[in-house]
Amino acid sequence: MLLKILIAVVFIAMLISLAAGAGFLLRSDDQPQRLLLSLKIRVALAVVLLGLLLYGFYMGELGV
């Protein structure tokens, strides 16, 4: 159960990072570092999410 909650939290954090990146892109106020940081965070969260999903399927907690 804790794993499913953790997966949901990471997914929501990815959506927040995506929205922040879109906001930075639309504003385009000569600070591409903020957009790049948002992208880095989103990629890191995607790797964590993939790892959690693989772990959950391997351990049988997210079985089909």
PDB file of N, CA and C in Angstrom:
ATOM      1  N   MET A   1       0.825  -1.194   0.000  1.00  0.00           N
ATOM      2  CA  MET A   1       0.000   0.000   0.000  1.00  0.00           C
ATOM      3  C   MET A   1       0.868   1.255   0.000  1.00  0.00           C
ATOM      4  N   LEU A   2       1.949   1.219   0.759  1.00  0.00           N
ATOM      5  CA  LEU A   2       2.861   2.352   0.814  1.00  0.00           C
ATOM      6  C   LEU A   2       3.499   2.613  -0.549  1.00  0.00           C
ATOM      7  N   LEU A   3       3.776   1.546  -1.271  1.00  0.00           N
ATOM      8  CA  LEU A   3       4.381   1.679  -2.598  1.00  0.00           C
ATOM      9  C   LEU A   3       3.432   2.397  -3.556  1.00  0.00           C
ATOM     10  N   LYS A   4       2.158   2.059  -3.501  1.00  0.00           N
ATOM     11  CA  LYS A   4       1.178   2.706  -4.377  1.00  0.00           C
ATOM     12  C   LYS A   4       1.040   4.195  -4.046  1.00  0.00           C
ATOM     13  N   ILE A   5       1.081   4.523  -2.782  1.00  0.00           N
ATOM     14  CA  ILE A   5       1.019   5.931  -2.378  1.00  0.00           C
ATOM     15  C   ILE A   5       2.256   6.671  -2.856  1.00  0.00           C
ATOM     16  N   LEU A   6       3.412   6.048  -2.723  1.00  0.00           N
ATOM     17  CA  LEU A   6       4.662   6.663  -3.172  1.00  0.00           C
ATOM     18  C   LEU A   6       4.653   6.882  -4.690  1.00  0.00           C
ATOM     19  N   ILE A   7       4.133   5.924  -5.432  1.00  0.00           N
ATOM     20  CA  ILE A   7       4.028   6.063  -6.890  1.00  0.00           C
ATOM     21  C   ILE A   7       3.103   7.223  -7.236  1.00  0.00           C
ATOM     22  N   ALA A   8       1.990   7.345  -6.540  1.00  0.00           N
ATOM     23  CA  ALA A   8       1.056   8.442  -6.798  1.00  0.00           C
ATOM     24  C   ALA A   8       1.692   9.792  -6.476  1.00  0.00           C
ATOM     25  N   VAL A   9       2.442   9.876  -5.400  1.00  0.00           N
ATOM     26  CA  VAL A   9       3.102  11.129  -5.016  1.00  0.00           C
ATOM     27  C   VAL A   9       4.135  11.534  -6.062  1.00  0.00           C
ATOM     28  N   VAL A  10       4.923  10.582  -6.532  1.00  0.00           N
ATOM     29  CA  VAL A  10       5.932  10.887  -7.554  1.00  0.00           C
ATOM     30  C   VAL A  10       5.258  11.313  -8.849  1.00  0.00           C
ATOM     31  N   PHE A  11       4.156  10.672  -9.207  1.00  0.00           N
ATOM     32  CA  PHE A  11       3.441  11.037 -10.425  1.00  0.00           C
ATOM     33  C   PHE A  11       2.876  12.456 -10.325  1.00  0.00           C
ATOM     34  N   ILE A  12       2.302  12.796  -9.183  1.00  0.00           N
ATOM     35  CA  ILE A  12       1.771  14.147  -8.986  1.00  0.00           C
ATOM     36  C   ILE A  12       2.896  15.170  -9.017  1.00  0.00           C
ATOM     37  N   ALA A  13       4.046  14.830  -8.439  1.00  0.00           N
ATOM     38  CA  ALA A  13       5.199  15.731  -8.487  1.00  0.00           C
ATOM     39  C   ALA A  13       5.658  15.945  -9.926  1.00  0.00           C
ATOM     40  N   MET A  14       5.585  14.903 -10.747  1.00  0.00           N
ATOM     41  CA  MET A  14       5.925  15.059 -12.170  1.00  0.00           C
ATOM     42  C   MET A  14       4.960  16.009 -12.866  1.00  0.00           C
ATOM     43  N   LEU A  15       3.682  15.903 -12.569  1.00  0.00           N
ATOM     44  CA  LEU A  15       2.703  16.804 -13.168  1.00  0.00           C
ATOM     45  C   LEU A  15       2.932  18.248 -12.736  1.00  0.00           C
ATOM     46  N   ILE A  16       3.279  18.447 -11.472  1.00  0.00           N
ATOM     47  CA  ILE A  16       3.574  19.796 -10.986  1.00  0.00           C
ATOM     48  C   ILE A  16       4.804  20.350 -11.687  1.00  0.00           C
ATOM     49  N   SER A  17       5.814  19.519 -11.849  1.00  0.00           N
ATOM     50  CA  SER A  17       7.023  19.953 -12.552  1.00  0.00           C
ATOM     51  C   SER A  17       6.717  20.278 -14.008  1.00  0.00           C
ATOM     52  N   LEU A  18       5.839  19.513 -14.625  1.00  0.00           N
ATOM     53  CA  LEU A  18       5.442  19.778 -16.006  1.00  0.00           C
ATOM     54  C   LEU A  18       4.715  21.120 -16.111  1.00  0.00           C
ATOM     55  N   ALA A  19       3.820  21.390 -15.184  1.00  0.00           N
ATOM     56  CA  ALA A  19       3.102  22.662 -15.189  1.00  0.00           C
ATOM     57  C   ALA A  19       4.054  23.832 -14.942  1.00  0.00           C
ATOM     58  N   ALA A  20       4.998  23.647 -14.043  1.00  0.00           N
ATOM     59  CA  ALA A  20       5.974  24.711 -13.779  1.00  0.00           C
ATOM     60  C   ALA A  20       6.829  24.972 -15.015  1.00  0.00           C
ATOM     61  N   GLY A  21       7.239  23.925 -15.684  1.00  0.00           N
ATOM     62  CA  GLY A  21       8.027  24.084 -16.907  1.00  0.00           C
ATOM     63  C   GLY A  21       7.245  24.799 -17.994  1.00  0.00           C
ATOM     64  N   ALA A  22       5.960  24.475 -18.114  1.00  0.00           N
ATOM     65  CA  ALA A  22       5.126  25.163 -19.107  1.00  0.00           C
ATOM     66  C   ALA A  22       4.988  26.640 -18.752  1.00  0.00           C
ATOM     67  N   GLY A  23       4.862  26.931 -17.474  1.00  0.00           N
ATOM     68  CA  GLY A  23       4.786  28.327 -17.045  1.00  0.00           C
ATOM     69  C   GLY A  23       6.068  29.072 -17.344  1.00  0.00           C
ATOM     70  N   PHE A  24       7.216  28.448 -17.095  1.00  0.00           N
ATOM     71  CA  PHE A  24       8.497  29.081 -17.393  1.00  0.00           C
ATOM     72  C   PHE A  24       8.652  29.300 -18.888  1.00  0.00           C
ATOM     73  N   LEU A  25       8.175  28.352 -19.686  1.00  0.00           N
ATOM     74  CA  LEU A  25       8.292  28.466 -21.140  1.00  0.00           C
ATOM     75  C   LEU A  25       7.407  29.592 -21.676  1.00  0.00           C
ATOM     76  N   LEU A  26       6.202  29.709 -21.140  1.00  0.00           N
ATOM     77  CA  LEU A  26       5.285  30.739 -21.615  1.00  0.00           C
ATOM     78  C   LEU A  26       5.737  32.143 -21.200  1.00  0.00           C
ATOM     79  N   ARG A  27       6.336  32.241 -20.020  1.00  0.00           N
ATOM     80  CA  ARG A  27       6.806  33.541 -19.567  1.00  0.00           C
ATOM     81  C   ARG A  27       8.045  33.981 -20.327  1.00  0.00           C
ATOM     82  N   SER A  28       8.948  33.060 -20.593  1.00  0.00           N
ATOM     83  CA  SER A  28      10.208  33.283 -21.329  1.00  0.00           C
ATOM     84  C   SER A  28      10.894  34.589 -20.927  1.00  0.00           C
ATOM     85  N   ASP A  29      11.236  34.686 -19.661  1.00  0.00           N
ATOM     86  CA  ASP A  29      11.836  35.912 -19.137  1.00  0.00           C
ATOM     87  C   ASP A  29      13.360  35.808 -19.038  1.00  0.00           C
ATOM     88  N   ASP A  30      13.990  35.391 -20.119  1.00  0.00           N
ATOM     89  CA  ASP A  30      15.456  35.356 -20.217  1.00  0.00           C
ATOM     90  C   ASP A  30      16.128  34.559 -19.104  1.00  0.00           C
ATOM     91  N   GLN A  31      15.474  33.534 -18.606  1.00  0.00           N
ATOM     92  CA  GLN A  31      16.083  32.658 -17.610  1.00  0.00           C
ATOM     93  C   GLN A  31      15.871  31.203 -18.029  1.00  0.00           C
ATOM     94  N   PRO A  32      16.639  30.723 -19.008  1.00  0.00           N
ATOM     95  CA  PRO A  32      16.456  29.338 -19.449  1.00  0.00           C
ATOM     96  C   PRO A  32      16.910  28.323 -18.383  1.00  0.00           C
ATOM     97  N   GLN A  33      17.628  28.785 -17.374  1.00  0.00           N
ATOM     98  CA  GLN A  33      18.075  27.870 -16.320  1.00  0.00           C
ATOM     99  C   GLN A  33      16.884  27.301 -15.558  1.00  0.00           C
ATOM    100  N   ARG A  34      15.849  28.106 -15.375  1.00  0.00           N
ATOM    101  CA  ARG A  34      14.675  27.623 -14.641  1.00  0.00           C
ATOM    102  C   ARG A  34      13.965  26.533 -15.430  1.00  0.00           C
ATOM    103  N   LEU A  35      13.867  26.725 -16.722  1.00  0.00           N
ATOM    104  CA  LEU A  35      13.235  25.718 -17.579  1.00  0.00           C
ATOM    105  C   LEU A  35      14.060  24.438 -17.601  1.00  0.00           C
ATOM    106  N   LEU A  36      15.376  24.584 -17.670  1.00  0.00           N
ATOM    107  CA  LEU A  36      16.261  23.421 -17.667  1.00  0.00           C
ATOM    108  C   LEU A  36      16.197  22.675 -16.336  1.00  0.00           C
ATOM    109  N   LEU A  37      16.139  23.415 -15.251  1.00  0.00           N
ATOM    110  CA  LEU A  37      16.030  22.778 -13.931  1.00  0.00           C
ATOM    111  C   LEU A  37      14.722  21.996 -13.821  1.00  0.00           C
ATOM    112  N   SER A  38      13.642  22.573 -14.329  1.00  0.00           N
ATOM    113  CA  SER A  38      12.353  21.880 -14.310  1.00  0.00           C
ATOM    114  C   SER A  38      12.428  20.582 -15.116  1.00  0.00           C
ATOM    115  N   LEU A  39      13.104  20.639 -16.256  1.00  0.00           N
ATOM    116  CA  LEU A  39      13.262  19.438 -17.075  1.00  0.00           C
ATOM    117  C   LEU A  39      14.104  18.385 -16.355  1.00  0.00           C
ATOM    118  N   LYS A  40      15.176  18.808 -15.708  1.00  0.00           N
ATOM    119  CA  LYS A  40      16.023  17.865 -14.965  1.00  0.00           C
ATOM    120  C   LYS A  40      15.251  17.195 -13.844  1.00  0.00           C
ATOM    121  N   ILE A  41      14.460  17.973 -13.139  1.00  0.00           N
ATOM    122  CA  ILE A  41      13.658  17.409 -12.040  1.00  0.00           C
ATOM    123  C   ILE A  41      12.642  16.412 -12.592  1.00  0.00           C
ATOM    124  N   ARG A  42      12.012  16.757 -13.715  1.00  0.00           N
ATOM    125  CA  ARG A  42      11.020  15.865 -14.319  1.00  0.00           C
ATOM    126  C   ARG A  42      11.650  14.558 -14.782  1.00  0.00           C
ATOM    127  N   VAL A  43      12.849  14.631 -15.352  1.00  0.00           N
ATOM    128  CA  VAL A  43      13.533  13.413 -15.798  1.00  0.00           C
ATOM    129  C   VAL A  43      13.921  12.561 -14.590  1.00  0.00           C
ATOM    130  N   ALA A  44      14.418  13.196 -13.537  1.00  0.00           N
ATOM    131  CA  ALA A  44      14.779  12.449 -12.326  1.00  0.00           C
ATOM    132  C   ALA A  44      13.556  11.776 -11.714  1.00  0.00           C
ATOM    133  N   LEU A  45      12.435  12.491 -11.680  1.00  0.00           N
ATOM    134  CA  LEU A  45      11.207  11.897 -11.145  1.00  0.00           C
ATOM    135  C   LEU A  45      10.725  10.743 -12.008  1.00  0.00           C
ATOM    136  N   ALA A  46      10.896  10.854 -13.325  1.00  0.00           N
ATOM    137  CA  ALA A  46      10.497   9.762 -14.221  1.00  0.00           C
ATOM    138  C   ALA A  46      11.347   8.520 -13.963  1.00  0.00           C
ATOM    139  N   VAL A  47      12.636   8.716 -13.705  1.00  0.00           N
ATOM    140  CA  VAL A  47      13.519   7.580 -13.402  1.00  0.00           C
ATOM    141  C   VAL A  47      13.099   6.938 -12.078  1.00  0.00           C
ATOM    142  N   VAL A  48      12.783   7.759 -11.092  1.00  0.00           N
ATOM    143  CA  VAL A  48      12.335   7.232  -9.799  1.00  0.00           C
ATOM    144  C   VAL A  48      11.019   6.478  -9.972  1.00  0.00           C
ATOM    145  N   LEU A  49      10.104   7.043 -10.736  1.00  0.00           N
ATOM    146  CA  LEU A  49       8.815   6.378 -10.973  1.00  0.00           C
ATOM    147  C   LEU A  49       9.003   5.038 -11.680  1.00  0.00           C
ATOM    148  N   LEU A  50       9.855   5.019 -12.682  1.00  0.00           N
ATOM    149  CA  LEU A  50      10.126   3.767 -13.392  1.00  0.00           C
ATOM    150  C   LEU A  50      10.742   2.736 -12.446  1.00  0.00           C
ATOM    151  N   GLY A  51      11.662   3.179 -11.610  1.00  0.00           N
ATOM    152  CA  GLY A  51      12.271   2.273 -10.633  1.00  0.00           C
ATOM    153  C   GLY A  51      11.252   1.718  -9.651  1.00  0.00           C
ATOM    154  N   LEU A  52      10.359   2.581  -9.174  1.00  0.00           N
ATOM    155  CA  LEU A  52       9.317   2.120  -8.247  1.00  0.00           C
ATOM    156  C   LEU A  52       8.375   1.129  -8.921  1.00  0.00           C
ATOM    157  N   LEU A  53       8.019   1.386 -10.162  1.00  0.00           N
ATOM    158  CA  LEU A  53       7.141   0.459 -10.879  1.00  0.00           C
ATOM    159  C   LEU A  53       7.816  -0.891 -11.117  1.00  0.00           C
ATOM    160  N   LEU A  54       9.073  -0.853 -11.532  1.00  0.00           N
ATOM    161  CA  LEU A  54       9.803  -2.108 -11.743  1.00  0.00           C
ATOM    162  C   LEU A  54       9.929  -2.891 -10.439  1.00  0.00           C
ATOM    163  N   TYR A  55      10.237  -2.194  -9.353  1.00  0.00           N
ATOM    164  CA  TYR A  55      10.340  -2.842  -8.052  1.00  0.00           C
ATOM    165  C   TYR A  55       9.004  -3.469  -7.649  1.00  0.00           C
ATOM    166  N   GLY A  56       7.924  -2.706  -7.846  1.00  0.00           N
ATOM    167  CA  GLY A  56       6.610  -3.215  -7.468  1.00  0.00           C
ATOM    168  C   GLY A  56       6.200  -4.441  -8.263  1.00  0.00           C
ATOM    169  N   PHE A  57       6.478  -4.451  -9.557  1.00  0.00           N
ATOM    170  CA  PHE A  57       6.147  -5.638 -10.367  1.00  0.00           C
ATOM    171  C   PHE A  57       7.050  -6.806 -10.038  1.00  0.00           C
ATOM    172  N   TYR A  58       8.324  -6.527  -9.789  1.00  0.00           N
ATOM    173  CA  TYR A  58       9.258  -7.614  -9.478  1.00  0.00           C
ATOM    174  C   TYR A  58       8.927  -8.271  -8.146  1.00  0.00           C
ATOM    175  N   MET A  59       8.538  -7.459  -7.153  1.00  0.00           N
ATOM    176  CA  MET A  59       8.230  -8.002  -5.832  1.00  0.00           C
ATOM    177  C   MET A  59       6.796  -8.532  -5.740  1.00  0.00           C
ATOM    178  N   GLY A  60       6.000  -8.305  -6.769  1.00  0.00           N
ATOM    179  CA  GLY A  60       4.636  -8.823  -6.771  1.00  0.00           C
ATOM    180  C   GLY A  60       3.611  -7.931  -6.097  1.00  0.00           C
ATOM    181  N   GLU A  61       4.000  -6.732  -5.715  1.00  0.00           N
ATOM    182  CA  GLU A  61       3.054  -5.834  -5.059  1.00  0.00           C
ATOM    183  C   GLU A  61       2.127  -5.155  -6.055  1.00  0.00           C
ATOM    184  N   LEU A  62       2.511  -5.086  -7.312  1.00  0.00           N
ATOM    185  CA  LEU A  62       1.699  -4.455  -8.355  1.00  0.00           C
ATOM    186  C   LEU A  62       1.338  -5.478  -9.427  1.00  0.00           C
ATOM    187  N   GLY A  63       1.057  -6.669  -9.020  1.00  0.00           N
ATOM    188  CA  GLY A  63       0.806  -7.741  -9.966  1.00  0.00           C
ATOM    189  C   GLY A  63      -0.404  -7.505 -10.848  1.00  0.00           C
ATOM    190  N   VAL A  64      -0.430  -8.258 -11.909  1.00  0.00           N
ATOM    191  CA  VAL A  64      -1.525  -8.149 -12.874  1.00  0.00           C
ATOM    192  C   VAL A  64      -2.705  -8.940 -12.396  1.00  0.00           C
TER     193      VAL A  64
END
